[in-house]
Amino acid sequence: MLNLMMDAPKQGFLSNVSNADISKVRLSEAHDADLHASNLTNWQQEYDQTSRGSFYGRIVELPFDGLQVFCEHTSQALQQKCVVWPNSVWLGIPLADQEESRINGLTIHSNNIMCRPGDCDFQLSTPQDYDLYGLVVDRSKLIKMAAIHGVDLNWKELTECGRLGVPDKTLEEVRFVLARLLSLQNNTTPPRLQQDIVMMALLEVLKVETPQPAKTQSYYHRKKVVDCARQFLDYHLDEPVTVTQLCEITNVSRRTLQYSFESILGVSPIQYLRISRLNGVRRSLVQAKNGQAVSDIAAQWGFWHLSQFAKDYKQLFGETPSKTLTGLSG
């Protein structure tokens, strides 16, 4: 099915290609989740680390005009807020044998991929040691390529469902192709052929995808509860918000609030509140100006018991707040 992609170009063709014509694979690495999030070209992202330990992230990226392909590795579990560049479509393809992730609370199984339109925010919950292929393409480029190859695109599925089902064989072949393209040793294939390979792989997926929307109405209710609670928390990060308050704001019982958070985000409301604030402190420490103290920044995020804050911070990030202040921001 993907014979075009598997065949290596003939030497005679490549001999006329200069090094300036080769699209280079880019590698970026980071030891902070939010700094890692900013390394992905033309995305707006904010990552909150939710599992304990030092973070390592790596992005291997191959950018073109109106097309982007990358492989992202993250060592720790994350809550991700993401927005892809406008007038585009993103496909997220987890590598084989990954633990389950979530997009907007929908569980991604082994034969699922993720899909969201550009300029539309979405949330990902990803586990530890997670690897994901990403494909982003301008809508106009995709429409033109689909018309040439006679592929019918279902925009409703691509822009609304978030989760698509794809046959295992197709996923296996596409992963193989993307791995070859994103190899750091891939320095001889001309950009035009690289783009064609990526677009053909993308069309192969879109020819066989089937929508996998939420199957029950309860999902939409739980998602609405979580969205309402998160919006309230975002505007009251420096206040000691209680579970009782969240129940009142969302107009649900404590049990429903707990179940909604655990099913949509994989964490409890209290865990989410504590983790989001600790990540907020870390972002402030990384961006801190000279003369700002850890205690002042912690207080801005509602942490008044400094010894407990320092203990919780080190447990989550694997280093002290002062180390972050002097290390990453310096």
C-alpha atoms as a PDB file:
ATOM      1  CA  MET A   1       0.000   0.000   0.000  1.00  0.00           C
ATOM      2  CA  LEU A   2       2.852   2.411   0.798  1.00  0.00           C
ATOM      3  CA  ASN A   3       5.315   1.163  -1.805  1.00  0.00           C
ATOM      4  CA  LEU A   4       6.078   4.699  -2.952  1.00  0.00           C
ATOM      5  CA  MET A   5       7.265   5.549   0.547  1.00  0.00           C
ATOM      6  CA  MET A   6       9.351   2.464   1.096  1.00  0.00           C
ATOM      7  CA  ASP A   7      11.376   2.696  -2.111  1.00  0.00           C
ATOM      8  CA  ALA A   8      14.648   4.587  -1.760  1.00  0.00           C
ATOM      9  CA  PRO A   9      15.310   7.175  -4.497  1.00  0.00           C
ATOM     10  CA  LYS A  10      17.755   6.121  -7.161  1.00  0.00           C
ATOM     11  CA  GLN A  11      21.334   7.359  -6.848  1.00  0.00           C
ATOM     12  CA  GLY A  12      21.257   9.034 -10.262  1.00  0.00           C
ATOM     13  CA  PHE A  13      18.361  11.241  -9.128  1.00  0.00           C
ATOM     14  CA  LEU A  14      20.023  12.179  -5.859  1.00  0.00           C
ATOM     15  CA  SER A  15      23.372  12.957  -7.431  1.00  0.00           C
ATOM     16  CA  ASN A  16      21.901  16.165  -8.910  1.00  0.00           C
ATOM     17  CA  VAL A  17      20.577  17.376  -5.555  1.00  0.00           C
ATOM     18  CA  SER A  18      22.678  19.857  -3.586  1.00  0.00           C
ATOM     19  CA  ASN A  19      22.896  19.901   0.208  1.00  0.00           C
ATOM     20  CA  ALA A  20      20.961  23.184   0.195  1.00  0.00           C
ATOM     21  CA  ASP A  21      17.955  21.336  -1.262  1.00  0.00           C
ATOM     22  CA  ILE A  22      17.788  18.827   1.593  1.00  0.00           C
ATOM     23  CA  SER A  23      15.281  19.479   4.371  1.00  0.00           C
ATOM     24  CA  LYS A  24      17.107  18.883   7.640  1.00  0.00           C
ATOM     25  CA  VAL A  25      15.701  16.968  10.569  1.00  0.00           C
ATOM     26  CA  ARG A  26      15.797  19.153  13.698  1.00  0.00           C
ATOM     27  CA  LEU A  27      16.422  17.879  17.221  1.00  0.00           C
ATOM     28  CA  SER A  28      15.519  19.805  20.380  1.00  0.00           C
ATOM     29  CA  GLU A  29      15.792  18.677  23.998  1.00  0.00           C
ATOM     30  CA  ALA A  30      14.622  20.139  27.308  1.00  0.00           C
ATOM     31  CA  HIS A  31      14.638  19.307  31.012  1.00  0.00           C
ATOM     32  CA  ASP A  32      11.533  21.317  31.859  1.00  0.00           C
ATOM     33  CA  ALA A  33       8.060  20.389  30.592  1.00  0.00           C
ATOM     34  CA  ASP A  34       6.978  23.903  29.653  1.00  0.00           C
ATOM     35  CA  LEU A  35      10.281  24.751  27.973  1.00  0.00           C
ATOM     36  CA  HIS A  36       9.897  21.516  26.037  1.00  0.00           C
ATOM     37  CA  ALA A  37       6.375  22.529  24.978  1.00  0.00           C
ATOM     38  CA  SER A  38       7.721  25.778  23.497  1.00  0.00           C
ATOM     39  CA  ASN A  39      10.195  23.849  21.310  1.00  0.00           C
ATOM     40  CA  LEU A  40       7.490  22.644  18.910  1.00  0.00           C
ATOM     41  CA  THR A  41       7.370  25.068  15.977  1.00  0.00           C
ATOM     42  CA  ASN A  42       4.224  27.229  15.595  1.00  0.00           C
ATOM     43  CA  TRP A  43       2.258  25.565  18.399  1.00  0.00           C
ATOM     44  CA  GLN A  44       0.794  27.304  21.463  1.00  0.00           C
ATOM     45  CA  GLN A  45       1.190  24.921  24.396  1.00  0.00           C
ATOM     46  CA  GLU A  46       1.337  24.729  28.169  1.00  0.00           C
ATOM     47  CA  TYR A  47       2.428  21.508  29.865  1.00  0.00           C
ATOM     48  CA  ASP A  48       1.809  20.588  33.509  1.00  0.00           C
ATOM     49  CA  GLN A  49       3.904  17.715  34.850  1.00  0.00           C
ATOM     50  CA  THR A  50       1.802  15.284  36.908  1.00  0.00           C
ATOM     51  CA  SER A  51       4.186  12.405  37.727  1.00  0.00           C
ATOM     52  CA  ARG A  52       7.148  12.666  40.073  1.00  0.00           C
ATOM     53  CA  GLY A  53      10.749  13.036  38.982  1.00  0.00           C
ATOM     54  CA  SER A  54      13.038  15.049  36.732  1.00  0.00           C
ATOM     55  CA  PHE A  55      11.704  15.738  33.250  1.00  0.00           C
ATOM     56  CA  TYR A  56      13.262  15.037  29.872  1.00  0.00           C
ATOM     57  CA  GLY A  57      11.643  15.904  26.558  1.00  0.00           C
ATOM     58  CA  ARG A  58      12.827  15.448  22.986  1.00  0.00           C
ATOM     59  CA  ILE A  59      11.354  16.624  19.683  1.00  0.00           C
ATOM     60  CA  VAL A  60      12.610  15.389  16.315  1.00  0.00           C
ATOM     61  CA  GLU A  61      10.993  17.606  13.699  1.00  0.00           C
ATOM     62  CA  LEU A  62      10.913  17.881   9.913  1.00  0.00           C
ATOM     63  CA  PRO A  63       9.270  21.181   8.860  1.00  0.00           C
ATOM     64  CA  PHE A  64       8.123  22.162   5.374  1.00  0.00           C
ATOM     65  CA  ASP A  65       6.031  24.964   3.925  1.00  0.00           C
ATOM     66  CA  GLY A  66       2.503  24.288   5.170  1.00  0.00           C
ATOM     67  CA  LEU A  67       3.440  20.865   6.514  1.00  0.00           C
ATOM     68  CA  GLN A  68       5.047  19.639   9.722  1.00  0.00           C
ATOM     69  CA  VAL A  69       5.993  16.145  10.869  1.00  0.00           C
ATOM     70  CA  PHE A  70       7.564  15.353  14.220  1.00  0.00           C
ATOM     71  CA  CYS A  71       8.115  12.737  16.905  1.00  0.00           C
ATOM     72  CA  GLU A  72       7.797  13.857  20.518  1.00  0.00           C
ATOM     73  CA  HIS A  73       9.078  12.018  23.593  1.00  0.00           C
ATOM     74  CA  THR A  74       8.175  13.006  27.161  1.00  0.00           C
ATOM     75  CA  SER A  75       9.508  11.174  30.204  1.00  0.00           C
ATOM     76  CA  GLN A  76       6.849  12.235  32.726  1.00  0.00           C
ATOM     77  CA  ALA A  77       3.052  12.155  32.733  1.00  0.00           C
ATOM     78  CA  LEU A  78       1.568  15.454  31.582  1.00  0.00           C
ATOM     79  CA  GLN A  79      -1.597  17.506  31.308  1.00  0.00           C
ATOM     80  CA  GLN A  80      -1.219  19.404  28.044  1.00  0.00           C
ATOM     81  CA  LYS A  81      -3.116  22.424  26.754  1.00  0.00           C
ATOM     82  CA  CYS A  82      -2.521  22.696  23.007  1.00  0.00           C
ATOM     83  CA  VAL A  83      -3.434  24.882  20.028  1.00  0.00           C
ATOM     84  CA  VAL A  84      -2.194  24.061  16.505  1.00  0.00           C
ATOM     85  CA  TRP A  85      -1.530  26.822  13.969  1.00  0.00           C
ATOM     86  CA  PRO A  86      -4.607  28.232  12.161  1.00  0.00           C
ATOM     87  CA  ASN A  87      -6.172  26.748   9.021  1.00  0.00           C
ATOM     88  CA  SER A  88      -4.556  23.388   9.581  1.00  0.00           C
ATOM     89  CA  VAL A  89      -5.364  19.828  10.618  1.00  0.00           C
ATOM     90  CA  TRP A  90      -3.325  17.834  13.167  1.00  0.00           C
ATOM     91  CA  LEU A  91      -3.090  14.061  13.429  1.00  0.00           C
ATOM     92  CA  GLY A  92      -1.471  12.546  16.527  1.00  0.00           C
ATOM     93  CA  ILE A  93      -0.294   8.942  16.128  1.00  0.00           C
ATOM     94  CA  PRO A  94       1.019   7.247  19.295  1.00  0.00           C
ATOM     95  CA  LEU A  95       3.887   4.822  18.777  1.00  0.00           C
ATOM     96  CA  ALA A  96       3.070   1.139  19.187  1.00  0.00           C
ATOM     97  CA  ASP A  97       2.741  -0.412  22.673  1.00  0.00           C
ATOM     98  CA  GLN A  98       2.127   2.906  24.451  1.00  0.00           C
ATOM     99  CA  GLU A  99       0.097   3.226  27.609  1.00  0.00           C
ATOM    100  CA  GLU A 100      -3.284   4.810  27.005  1.00  0.00           C
ATOM    101  CA  SER A 101      -3.553   8.579  26.674  1.00  0.00           C
ATOM    102  CA  ARG A 102      -6.581  10.891  26.513  1.00  0.00           C
ATOM    103  CA  ILE A 103      -7.678  13.712  24.235  1.00  0.00           C
ATOM    104  CA  ASN A 104     -10.357  15.918  25.785  1.00  0.00           C
ATOM    105  CA  GLY A 105     -11.105  13.014  28.117  1.00  0.00           C
ATOM    106  CA  LEU A 106     -11.505  10.403  25.344  1.00  0.00           C
ATOM    107  CA  THR A 107      -9.256   7.379  25.842  1.00  0.00           C
ATOM    108  CA  ILE A 108      -6.860   6.624  22.979  1.00  0.00           C
ATOM    109  CA  HIS A 109      -6.514   2.859  22.476  1.00  0.00           C
ATOM    110  CA  SER A 110      -3.894   1.000  20.427  1.00  0.00           C
ATOM    111  CA  ASN A 111      -5.812   1.372  17.142  1.00  0.00           C
ATOM    112  CA  ASN A 112      -6.824   5.008  17.668  1.00  0.00           C
ATOM    113  CA  ILE A 113      -5.243   8.244  16.541  1.00  0.00           C
ATOM    114  CA  MET A 114      -6.027  11.829  17.519  1.00  0.00           C
ATOM    115  CA  CYS A 115      -7.218  14.609  15.233  1.00  0.00           C
ATOM    116  CA  ARG A 116      -7.940  18.297  15.836  1.00  0.00           C
ATOM    117  CA  PRO A 117      -8.308  21.362  13.593  1.00  0.00           C
ATOM    118  CA  GLY A 118      -5.996  24.336  13.867  1.00  0.00           C
ATOM    119  CA  ASP A 119      -6.699  27.364  16.078  1.00  0.00           C
ATOM    120  CA  CYS A 120      -8.848  25.186  18.354  1.00  0.00           C
ATOM    121  CA  ASP A 121      -7.684  24.434  21.886  1.00  0.00           C
ATOM    122  CA  PHE A 122      -7.656  20.861  23.178  1.00  0.00           C
ATOM    123  CA  GLN A 123      -6.289  18.957  26.165  1.00  0.00           C
ATOM    124  CA  LEU A 124      -4.104  15.868  26.217  1.00  0.00           C
ATOM    125  CA  SER A 125      -3.390  13.623  29.198  1.00  0.00           C
ATOM    126  CA  THR A 126      -0.279  11.570  28.493  1.00  0.00           C
ATOM    127  CA  PRO A 127       1.473   8.895  30.612  1.00  0.00           C
ATOM    128  CA  GLN A 128       5.136   8.517  31.510  1.00  0.00           C
ATOM    129  CA  ASP A 129       7.624   7.603  28.748  1.00  0.00           C
ATOM    130  CA  TYR A 130       5.236   8.623  25.984  1.00  0.00           C
ATOM    131  CA  ASP A 131       6.099   8.862  22.285  1.00  0.00           C
ATOM    132  CA  LEU A 132       3.872  10.446  19.657  1.00  0.00           C
ATOM    133  CA  TYR A 133       4.138  11.142  15.932  1.00  0.00           C
ATOM    134  CA  GLY A 134       2.516  14.383  14.846  1.00  0.00           C
ATOM    135  CA  LEU A 135       1.427  15.518  11.390  1.00  0.00           C
ATOM    136  CA  VAL A 136       0.145  19.046  10.789  1.00  0.00           C
ATOM    137  CA  VAL A 137      -0.916  20.225   7.336  1.00  0.00           C
ATOM    138  CA  ASP A 138      -2.544  23.339   5.918  1.00  0.00           C
ATOM    139  CA  ARG A 139      -6.164  22.677   4.956  1.00  0.00           C
ATOM    140  CA  SER A 140      -5.609  24.038   1.443  1.00  0.00           C
ATOM    141  CA  LYS A 141      -2.604  21.775   0.922  1.00  0.00           C
ATOM    142  CA  LEU A 142      -4.527  18.744   2.155  1.00  0.00           C
ATOM    143  CA  ILE A 143      -7.584  19.529   0.004  1.00  0.00           C
ATOM    144  CA  LYS A 144      -5.419  19.927  -3.103  1.00  0.00           C
ATOM    145  CA  MET A 145      -3.529  16.667  -2.487  1.00  0.00           C
ATOM    146  CA  ALA A 146      -6.753  14.749  -1.725  1.00  0.00           C
ATOM    147  CA  ALA A 147      -8.329  15.984  -4.971  1.00  0.00           C
ATOM    148  CA  ILE A 148      -5.308  14.871  -7.005  1.00  0.00           C
ATOM    149  CA  HIS A 149      -5.434  11.360  -5.534  1.00  0.00           C
ATOM    150  CA  GLY A 150      -9.217  11.018  -5.423  1.00  0.00           C
ATOM    151  CA  VAL A 151      -9.547  10.833  -1.636  1.00  0.00           C
ATOM    152  CA  ASP A 152     -12.813  12.092  -0.125  1.00  0.00           C
ATOM    153  CA  LEU A 153     -12.265  14.036   3.093  1.00  0.00           C
ATOM    154  CA  ASN A 154     -14.930  14.036   5.806  1.00  0.00           C
ATOM    155  CA  TRP A 155     -14.346  17.378   7.535  1.00  0.00           C
ATOM    156  CA  LYS A 156     -16.974  16.723  10.173  1.00  0.00           C
ATOM    157  CA  GLU A 157     -15.029  13.677  11.378  1.00  0.00           C
ATOM    158  CA  LEU A 158     -11.675  15.449  11.141  1.00  0.00           C
ATOM    159  CA  THR A 159     -12.762  18.536  13.063  1.00  0.00           C
ATOM    160  CA  GLU A 160     -15.298  17.272  15.604  1.00  0.00           C
ATOM    161  CA  CYS A 161     -14.562  13.740  16.803  1.00  0.00           C
ATOM    162  CA  GLY A 162     -11.042  14.106  18.220  1.00  0.00           C
ATOM    163  CA  ARG A 163     -10.544  10.332  18.109  1.00  0.00           C
ATOM    164  CA  LEU A 164     -10.348   8.218  14.941  1.00  0.00           C
ATOM    165  CA  GLY A 165     -10.071   4.466  14.435  1.00  0.00           C
ATOM    166  CA  VAL A 166      -7.433   3.197  11.973  1.00  0.00           C
ATOM    167  CA  PRO A 167      -6.651  -0.435  10.984  1.00  0.00           C
ATOM    168  CA  ASP A 168      -3.581  -1.886  12.694  1.00  0.00           C
ATOM    169  CA  LYS A 169      -1.851  -2.653   9.381  1.00  0.00           C
ATOM    170  CA  THR A 170      -2.157   0.943   8.181  1.00  0.00           C
ATOM    171  CA  LEU A 171      -0.853   2.269  11.485  1.00  0.00           C
ATOM    172  CA  GLU A 172       2.095  -0.110  11.403  1.00  0.00           C
ATOM    173  CA  GLU A 173       3.066   0.981   7.899  1.00  0.00           C
ATOM    174  CA  VAL A 174       2.675   4.697   8.595  1.00  0.00           C
ATOM    175  CA  ARG A 175       4.737   4.458  11.781  1.00  0.00           C
ATOM    176  CA  PHE A 176       7.479   2.696   9.826  1.00  0.00           C
ATOM    177  CA  VAL A 177       7.507   5.428   7.185  1.00  0.00           C
ATOM    178  CA  LEU A 178       7.591   8.248   9.735  1.00  0.00           C
ATOM    179  CA  ALA A 179      10.403   6.577  11.674  1.00  0.00           C
ATOM    180  CA  ARG A 180      12.481   6.400   8.497  1.00  0.00           C
ATOM    181  CA  LEU A 181      11.783  10.034   7.590  1.00  0.00           C
ATOM    182  CA  LEU A 182      12.600  11.351  11.070  1.00  0.00           C
ATOM    183  CA  SER A 183      15.833   9.410  11.400  1.00  0.00           C
ATOM    184  CA  LEU A 184      18.708  11.779  12.172  1.00  0.00           C
ATOM    185  CA  GLN A 185      20.629   9.918   9.467  1.00  0.00           C
ATOM    186  CA  ASN A 186      18.017  10.891   6.861  1.00  0.00           C
ATOM    187  CA  ASN A 187      20.054  13.582   5.093  1.00  0.00           C
ATOM    188  CA  THR A 188      19.848  12.600   1.440  1.00  0.00           C
ATOM    189  CA  THR A 189      16.150  12.596   0.522  1.00  0.00           C
ATOM    190  CA  PRO A 190      15.079  15.784  -1.318  1.00  0.00           C
ATOM    191  CA  PRO A 191      12.394  17.913   0.413  1.00  0.00           C
ATOM    192  CA  ARG A 192       9.913  17.526  -2.448  1.00  0.00           C
ATOM    193  CA  LEU A 193      10.027  13.745  -2.124  1.00  0.00           C
ATOM    194  CA  GLN A 194       9.908  13.968   1.670  1.00  0.00           C
ATOM    195  CA  GLN A 195       6.754  16.088   1.470  1.00  0.00           C
ATOM    196  CA  ASP A 196       5.141  13.688  -0.971  1.00  0.00           C
ATOM    197  CA  ILE A 197       5.930  10.765   1.320  1.00  0.00           C
ATOM    198  CA  VAL A 198       4.331  12.511   4.296  1.00  0.00           C
ATOM    199  CA  MET A 199       1.243  13.564   2.330  1.00  0.00           C
ATOM    200  CA  MET A 200       0.735  10.084   0.911  1.00  0.00           C
ATOM    201  CA  ALA A 201       0.998   8.587   4.398  1.00  0.00           C
ATOM    202  CA  LEU A 202      -1.535  11.130   5.631  1.00  0.00           C
ATOM    203  CA  LEU A 203      -3.958  10.289   2.817  1.00  0.00           C
ATOM    204  CA  GLU A 204      -3.584   6.560   3.500  1.00  0.00           C
ATOM    205  CA  VAL A 205      -4.764   7.184   7.053  1.00  0.00           C
ATOM    206  CA  LEU A 206      -7.639   9.436   6.014  1.00  0.00           C
ATOM    207  CA  LYS A 207      -8.883   6.898   3.433  1.00  0.00           C
ATOM    208  CA  VAL A 208      -9.490   4.251   6.107  1.00  0.00           C
ATOM    209  CA  GLU A 209     -10.250   6.240   9.278  1.00  0.00           C
ATOM    210  CA  THR A 210     -13.540   5.839  11.097  1.00  0.00           C
ATOM    211  CA  PRO A 211     -14.832   8.273  13.742  1.00  0.00           C
ATOM    212  CA  GLN A 212     -14.695   7.126  17.355  1.00  0.00           C
ATOM    213  CA  PRO A 213     -16.807   9.670  19.267  1.00  0.00           C
ATOM    214  CA  ALA A 214     -17.861   9.367  22.877  1.00  0.00           C
ATOM    215  CA  LYS A 215     -20.415   6.593  23.198  1.00  0.00           C
ATOM    216  CA  THR A 216     -22.471   7.920  26.109  1.00  0.00           C
ATOM    217  CA  GLN A 217     -24.089  11.185  27.099  1.00  0.00           C
ATOM    218  CA  SER A 218     -22.444  10.905  30.518  1.00  0.00           C
ATOM    219  CA  TYR A 219     -19.091  11.755  28.901  1.00  0.00           C
ATOM    220  CA  TYR A 220     -20.375  15.163  27.810  1.00  0.00           C
ATOM    221  CA  HIS A 221     -21.728  15.867  31.286  1.00  0.00           C
ATOM    222  CA  ARG A 222     -18.425  14.891  32.948  1.00  0.00           C
ATOM    223  CA  LYS A 223     -16.482  16.977  30.424  1.00  0.00           C
ATOM    224  CA  LYS A 224     -18.707  19.988  31.112  1.00  0.00           C
ATOM    225  CA  VAL A 225     -18.186  19.594  34.881  1.00  0.00           C
ATOM    226  CA  VAL A 226     -14.402  19.433  34.500  1.00  0.00           C
ATOM    227  CA  ASP A 227     -14.280  22.380  32.071  1.00  0.00           C
ATOM    228  CA  CYS A 228     -16.357  24.495  34.447  1.00  0.00           C
ATOM    229  CA  ALA A 229     -14.175  23.596  37.444  1.00  0.00           C
ATOM    230  CA  ARG A 230     -10.934  24.208  35.545  1.00  0.00           C
ATOM    231  CA  GLN A 231     -12.127  27.594  34.358  1.00  0.00           C
ATOM    232  CA  PHE A 232     -12.936  28.594  37.935  1.00  0.00           C
ATOM    233  CA  LEU A 233      -9.559  27.350  39.177  1.00  0.00           C
ATOM    234  CA  ASP A 234      -7.707  29.221  36.431  1.00  0.00           C
ATOM    235  CA  TYR A 235      -9.168  32.482  37.717  1.00  0.00           C
ATOM    236  CA  HIS A 236      -8.554  31.700  41.405  1.00  0.00           C
ATOM    237  CA  LEU A 237      -5.092  30.130  41.411  1.00  0.00           C
ATOM    238  CA  ASP A 238      -3.860  32.240  44.333  1.00  0.00           C
ATOM    239  CA  GLU A 239      -6.846  31.391  46.540  1.00  0.00           C
ATOM    240  CA  PRO A 240      -7.371  28.317  48.768  1.00  0.00           C
ATOM    241  CA  VAL A 241     -10.200  26.816  46.694  1.00  0.00           C
ATOM    242  CA  THR A 242     -12.001  23.902  48.355  1.00  0.00           C
ATOM    243  CA  VAL A 243     -13.786  20.875  46.964  1.00  0.00           C
ATOM    244  CA  THR A 244     -17.005  22.262  48.432  1.00  0.00           C
ATOM    245  CA  GLN A 245     -16.573  25.418  46.348  1.00  0.00           C
ATOM    246  CA  LEU A 246     -16.021  23.380  43.197  1.00  0.00           C
ATOM    247  CA  CYS A 247     -19.151  21.342  43.903  1.00  0.00           C
ATOM    248  CA  GLU A 248     -21.137  24.558  44.282  1.00  0.00           C
ATOM    249  CA  ILE A 249     -19.674  26.106  41.132  1.00  0.00           C
ATOM    250  CA  THR A 250     -20.340  22.987  39.027  1.00  0.00           C
ATOM    251  CA  ASN A 251     -23.631  22.167  40.773  1.00  0.00           C
ATOM    252  CA  VAL A 252     -22.726  18.513  41.348  1.00  0.00           C
ATOM    253  CA  SER A 253     -22.062  16.272  44.328  1.00  0.00           C
ATOM    254  CA  ARG A 254     -18.553  15.595  45.613  1.00  0.00           C
ATOM    255  CA  ARG A 255     -18.752  12.061  44.257  1.00  0.00           C
ATOM    256  CA  THR A 256     -19.710  13.275  40.768  1.00  0.00           C
ATOM    257  CA  LEU A 257     -16.956  15.895  40.826  1.00  0.00           C
ATOM    258  CA  GLN A 258     -14.398  13.263  41.813  1.00  0.00           C
ATOM    259  CA  TYR A 259     -15.530  10.791  39.154  1.00  0.00           C
ATOM    260  CA  SER A 260     -15.643  13.485  36.470  1.00  0.00           C
ATOM    261  CA  PHE A 261     -12.038  14.556  37.094  1.00  0.00           C
ATOM    262  CA  GLU A 262     -10.736  10.994  37.317  1.00  0.00           C
ATOM    263  CA  SER A 263     -12.470   9.869  34.121  1.00  0.00           C
ATOM    264  CA  ILE A 264     -11.611  12.955  32.041  1.00  0.00           C
ATOM    265  CA  LEU A 265      -8.147  13.876  33.376  1.00  0.00           C
ATOM    266  CA  GLY A 266      -7.045  10.809  35.319  1.00  0.00           C
ATOM    267  CA  VAL A 267      -6.516  12.791  38.551  1.00  0.00           C
ATOM    268  CA  SER A 268      -8.719  13.908  41.431  1.00  0.00           C
ATOM    269  CA  PRO A 269      -9.835  17.556  41.812  1.00  0.00           C
ATOM    270  CA  ILE A 270      -7.457  18.071  44.750  1.00  0.00           C
ATOM    271  CA  GLN A 271      -4.540  16.534  42.828  1.00  0.00           C
ATOM    272  CA  TYR A 272      -5.327  18.693  39.818  1.00  0.00           C
ATOM    273  CA  LEU A 273      -5.438  21.871  41.906  1.00  0.00           C
ATOM    274  CA  ARG A 274      -2.156  21.123  43.719  1.00  0.00           C
ATOM    275  CA  ILE A 275      -0.326  20.004  40.568  1.00  0.00           C
ATOM    276  CA  SER A 276      -1.496  22.948  38.451  1.00  0.00           C
ATOM    277  CA  ARG A 277      -0.339  25.396  41.133  1.00  0.00           C
ATOM    278  CA  LEU A 278       3.043  23.708  41.554  1.00  0.00           C
ATOM    279  CA  ASN A 279       3.528  23.873  37.783  1.00  0.00           C
ATOM    280  CA  GLY A 280       2.471  27.512  37.887  1.00  0.00           C
ATOM    281  CA  VAL A 281       5.142  28.213  40.490  1.00  0.00           C
ATOM    282  CA  ARG A 282       7.714  26.466  38.328  1.00  0.00           C
ATOM    283  CA  ARG A 283       6.806  28.605  35.297  1.00  0.00           C
ATOM    284  CA  SER A 284       7.122  31.733  37.446  1.00  0.00           C
ATOM    285  CA  LEU A 285      10.496  30.601  38.807  1.00  0.00           C
ATOM    286  CA  VAL A 286      11.807  29.944  35.290  1.00  0.00           C
ATOM    287  CA  GLN A 287      10.678  33.423  34.178  1.00  0.00           C
ATOM    288  CA  ALA A 288      11.637  35.207  37.412  1.00  0.00           C
ATOM    289  CA  LYS A 289      13.588  38.459  37.359  1.00  0.00           C
ATOM    290  CA  ASN A 290      16.646  39.058  39.491  1.00  0.00           C
ATOM    291  CA  GLY A 291      15.775  39.743  43.115  1.00  0.00           C
ATOM    292  CA  GLN A 292      12.550  37.724  43.226  1.00  0.00           C
ATOM    293  CA  ALA A 293      12.416  35.272  46.115  1.00  0.00           C
ATOM    294  CA  VAL A 294      11.010  31.738  46.071  1.00  0.00           C
ATOM    295  CA  SER A 295       8.790  32.555  49.052  1.00  0.00           C
ATOM    296  CA  ASP A 296       7.195  35.533  47.261  1.00  0.00           C
ATOM    297  CA  ILE A 297       6.500  33.535  44.102  1.00  0.00           C
ATOM    298  CA  ALA A 298       5.092  30.613  46.109  1.00  0.00           C
ATOM    299  CA  ALA A 299       2.775  32.991  47.979  1.00  0.00           C
ATOM    300  CA  GLN A 300       1.488  34.397  44.685  1.00  0.00           C
ATOM    301  CA  TRP A 301       0.256  30.882  43.864  1.00  0.00           C
ATOM    302  CA  GLY A 302      -1.403  30.336  47.234  1.00  0.00           C
ATOM    303  CA  PHE A 303       1.376  28.386  48.998  1.00  0.00           C
ATOM    304  CA  TRP A 304       1.788  29.755  52.528  1.00  0.00           C
ATOM    305  CA  HIS A 305       3.303  26.731  54.296  1.00  0.00           C
ATOM    306  CA  LEU A 306       6.761  27.036  52.758  1.00  0.00           C
ATOM    307  CA  SER A 307       8.343  23.876  54.155  1.00  0.00           C
ATOM    308  CA  GLN A 308       5.451  21.723  52.880  1.00  0.00           C
ATOM    309  CA  PHE A 309       5.538  23.576  49.555  1.00  0.00           C
ATOM    310  CA  ALA A 310       9.272  22.914  49.152  1.00  0.00           C
ATOM    311  CA  LYS A 311       8.765  19.228  49.952  1.00  0.00           C
ATOM    312  CA  ASP A 312       5.882  18.854  47.477  1.00  0.00           C
ATOM    313  CA  TYR A 313       7.806  20.758  44.808  1.00  0.00           C
ATOM    314  CA  LYS A 314      10.891  18.563  45.100  1.00  0.00           C
ATOM    315  CA  GLN A 315       8.761  15.397  45.070  1.00  0.00           C
ATOM    316  CA  LEU A 316       7.094  16.434  41.821  1.00  0.00           C
ATOM    317  CA  PHE A 317      10.020  17.926  39.881  1.00  0.00           C
ATOM    318  CA  GLY A 318      13.038  16.181  41.390  1.00  0.00           C
ATOM    319  CA  GLU A 319      14.725  19.429  42.451  1.00  0.00           C
ATOM    320  CA  THR A 320      14.253  22.243  44.956  1.00  0.00           C
ATOM    321  CA  PRO A 321      12.484  25.501  44.036  1.00  0.00           C
ATOM    322  CA  SER A 322      15.725  27.421  44.583  1.00  0.00           C
ATOM    323  CA  LYS A 323      17.513  25.127  42.122  1.00  0.00           C
ATOM    324  CA  THR A 324      14.877  25.938  39.488  1.00  0.00           C
ATOM    325  CA  LEU A 325      15.211  29.662  40.231  1.00  0.00           C
ATOM    326  CA  THR A 326      18.988  29.721  39.868  1.00  0.00           C
ATOM    327  CA  GLY A 327      19.284  26.999  37.228  1.00  0.00           C
ATOM    328  CA  LEU A 328      16.663  27.340  34.490  1.00  0.00           C
ATOM    329  CA  SER A 329      16.087  31.083  34.805  1.00  0.00           C
ATOM    330  CA  GLY A 330      19.762  31.911  34.952  1.00  0.00           C
END
